[in-house]
C-alpha atoms as a PDB file:
ATOM      1  CA  MET A   1    -242.620-118.826  85.696  1.00  0.00           C
ATOM      2  CA  LYS A   2    -239.456-119.074  83.500  1.00  0.00           C
ATOM      3  CA  CYS A   3    -238.181-121.845  81.395  1.00  0.00           C
ATOM      4  CA  GLU A   4    -235.260-123.727  82.655  1.00  0.00           C
ATOM      5  CA  ILE A   5    -233.684-124.076  79.267  1.00  0.00           C
ATOM      6  CA  CYS A   6    -234.001-120.425  77.908  1.00  0.00           C
ATOM      7  CA  LYS A   7    -234.976-118.529  81.207  1.00  0.00           C
ATOM      8  CA  LYS A   8    -237.787-116.852  79.067  1.00  0.00           C
ATOM      9  CA  LYS A   9    -240.639-116.173  81.167  1.00  0.00           C
ATOM     10  CA  ILE A  10    -243.644-118.700  80.221  1.00  0.00           C
ATOM     11  CA  GLY A  11    -247.147-117.577  79.558  1.00  0.00           C
ATOM     12  CA  GLU A  12    -250.208-118.341  81.659  1.00  0.00           C
ATOM     13  CA  THR A  13    -253.907-118.982  80.633  1.00  0.00           C
ATOM     14  CA  PHE A  14    -256.416-116.911  82.543  1.00  0.00           C
ATOM     15  CA  LEU A  15    -256.710-120.039  84.779  1.00  0.00           C
ATOM     16  CA  LYS A  16    -253.039-120.097  85.818  1.00  0.00           C
ATOM     17  CA  LYS A  17    -252.284-122.880  83.589  1.00  0.00           C
ATOM     18  CA  ILE A  18    -248.584-122.599  81.965  1.00  0.00           C
ATOM     19  CA  LEU A  19    -248.194-122.573  78.092  1.00  0.00           C
ATOM     20  CA  GLY A  20    -245.761-125.227  78.080  1.00  0.00           C
ATOM     21  CA  THR A  21    -245.028-128.630  80.040  1.00  0.00           C
ATOM     22  CA  VAL A  22    -243.600-129.925  83.059  1.00  0.00           C
ATOM     23  CA  ILE A  23    -241.039-132.691  82.937  1.00  0.00           C
ATOM     24  CA  LYS A  24    -239.820-134.798  85.537  1.00  0.00           C
ATOM     25  CA  ASP A  25    -236.342-136.212  85.666  1.00  0.00           C
ATOM     26  CA  GLU A  26    -234.791-139.179  86.925  1.00  0.00           C
ATOM     27  CA  LYS A  27    -235.045-138.025  90.689  1.00  0.00           C
ATOM     28  CA  GLY A  28    -238.903-136.930  90.368  1.00  0.00           C
ATOM     29  CA  LYS A  29    -237.727-133.092  90.374  1.00  0.00           C
ATOM     30  CA  LYS A  30    -240.143-131.213  87.952  1.00  0.00           C
ATOM     31  CA  HIS A  31    -238.873-128.629  85.204  1.00  0.00           C
ATOM     32  CA  THR A  32    -241.054-126.221  83.239  1.00  0.00           C
ATOM     33  CA  ILE A  33    -240.223-125.775  79.769  1.00  0.00           C
ATOM     34  CA  CYS A  34    -241.745-123.485  77.230  1.00  0.00           C
ATOM     35  CA  PHE A  35    -243.471-123.827  74.274  1.00  0.00           C
ATOM     36  CA  GLU A  36    -240.403-122.875  71.972  1.00  0.00           C
ATOM     37  CA  CYS A  37    -237.938-125.098  73.768  1.00  0.00           C
ATOM     38  CA  GLN A  38    -240.351-127.903  73.521  1.00  0.00           C
ATOM     39  CA  LYS A  39    -240.859-127.494  69.620  1.00  0.00           C
ATOM     40  CA  LYS A  40    -236.896-127.539  69.295  1.00  0.00           C
ATOM     41  CA  PHE A  41    -236.061-130.380  71.531  1.00  0.00           C
ATOM     42  CA  LYS A  42    -238.962-133.189  70.479  1.00  0.00           C
ATOM     43  CA  THR A  43    -238.006-135.854  72.873  1.00  0.00           C
ATOM     44  CA  LYS A  44    -237.805-135.962  76.736  1.00  0.00           C
ATOM     45  CA  GLU A  45    -234.389-137.222  76.576  1.00  0.00           C
ATOM     46  CA  GLU A  46    -232.941-134.440  74.413  1.00  0.00           C
ATOM     47  CA  ILE A  47    -234.815-131.851  77.017  1.00  0.00           C
ATOM     48  CA  LEU A  48    -233.201-133.404  80.000  1.00  0.00           C
ATOM     49  CA  LYS A  49    -229.614-133.176  78.307  1.00  0.00           C
ATOM     50  CA  LYS A  50    -229.976-129.479  77.879  1.00  0.00           C
ATOM     51  CA  LEU A  51    -231.022-128.896  81.321  1.00  0.00           C
END
């Protein structure tokens, strides 16, 4: 799985959970975000602007 902001590969745990987060936009579409981008952009609005 890749981050939709920086296009880097997102790591997974041994149970196949991502090491990042999933954010929904206004239309209900899910976007995967890596841990580094999550630290850079603090709020959901900032993350959605970068998509």
